[in-house]
Protein backbone atom coordinates (compact mmCIF):
# COMPACT_ATOMS: atom_id res chain seq x y z
CA UNK A 1 -0.03 0.10 -0.08
CA UNK A 2 3.11 2.14 -0.30
CA UNK A 3 1.81 3.56 -3.55
CA UNK A 4 -1.73 5.04 -2.12
CA UNK A 5 -2.20 8.32 -1.01
CA UNK A 6 -3.86 9.17 2.16
CA UNK A 7 -7.00 10.30 0.54
CA UNK A 8 -7.30 7.10 -1.54
CA UNK A 9 -7.04 5.18 1.56
CA UNK A 10 -9.60 7.11 3.29
CA UNK A 11 -11.84 6.77 -0.07
CA UNK A 12 -11.27 2.97 0.83
CA UNK A 13 -12.01 2.87 4.01
CA UNK A 14 -15.21 4.47 3.78
CA UNK A 15 -16.58 2.22 0.91
CA UNK A 16 -15.20 -0.61 2.88
CA UNK A 17 -17.42 -0.04 5.68
CA UNK A 18 -20.56 1.10 3.17
CA UNK A 19 -20.13 -1.98 1.69
CA UNK A 20 -19.99 -4.00 4.63
CA UNK A 21 -23.17 -2.21 5.77
CA UNK A 22 -24.91 -3.08 2.58
CA UNK A 23 -23.64 -6.59 2.64
CA UNK A 24 -25.19 -6.91 6.27
CA UNK A 25 -28.77 -6.14 4.73
CA UNK A 26 -28.95 -7.05 1.56
CA UNK A 27 -25.75 -8.33 0.14
CA UNK A 28 -24.09 -6.95 -2.78
CA UNK A 29 -21.21 -4.99 -1.08
CA UNK A 30 -19.11 -6.01 -3.82
CA UNK A 31 -20.46 -3.94 -6.57
CA UNK A 32 -18.90 -1.27 -4.32
CA UNK A 33 -15.72 -2.19 -3.28
CA UNK A 34 -14.69 -3.60 -6.96
CA UNK A 35 -14.95 -0.33 -8.62
CA UNK A 36 -13.53 1.71 -5.83
CA UNK A 37 -10.57 -0.51 -6.28
CA UNK A 38 -10.23 -0.47 -9.45
CA UNK A 39 -10.85 3.25 -9.74
CA UNK A 40 -7.59 3.22 -7.07
CA UNK A 41 -5.42 1.80 -9.25
CA UNK A 42 -5.46 -1.93 -8.14
CA UNK A 43 -5.16 -4.08 -11.05
CA UNK A 44 -8.48 -6.29 -11.82
CA UNK A 45 -7.22 -9.82 -10.14
CA UNK A 46 -6.24 -8.38 -7.02
CA UNK A 47 -9.68 -6.57 -7.06
CA UNK A 48 -11.65 -9.52 -7.74
CA UNK A 49 -9.54 -11.50 -5.22
CA UNK A 50 -9.92 -8.93 -2.55
CA UNK A 51 -13.74 -9.19 -3.16
CA UNK A 52 -13.87 -12.95 -2.80
CA UNK A 53 -11.50 -13.05 0.66
CA UNK A 54 -14.42 -10.29 1.91
CA UNK A 55 -16.99 -12.63 0.89
CA UNK A 56 -15.60 -15.66 2.26
CA UNK A 57 -14.53 -14.06 5.39
CA UNK A 58 -18.36 -12.65 5.79
CA UNK A 59 -19.79 -16.06 5.23
CA UNK A 60 -17.42 -17.65 8.20
CA UNK A 61 -18.06 -15.09 10.75
CA UNK A 62 -21.77 -14.87 9.79
CA UNK A 63 -22.76 -17.90 11.51
CA UNK A 64 -20.89 -17.35 14.40
CA UNK A 65 -22.02 -14.21 15.00
CA UNK A 66 -25.87 -14.88 14.91
CA UNK A 67 -25.13 -18.15 17.27
CA UNK A 68 -24.44 -15.79 19.91
CA UNK A 69 -27.23 -13.20 19.38
């Protein structure tokens, strides 16, 4: 992440929180994160891989979180 400016990091962080919120309600947060990563200059393979890791972690963490509710 040495090539990213602070404003880009702030934009990606805000997008990640918004995408997480959307994912928690209806799914589809990747529709925000992938374009944001591409706009930030991340290559397409890394952007899609990041989205897949994000989706996998949310699938793994959701059952454990709902079990304690």
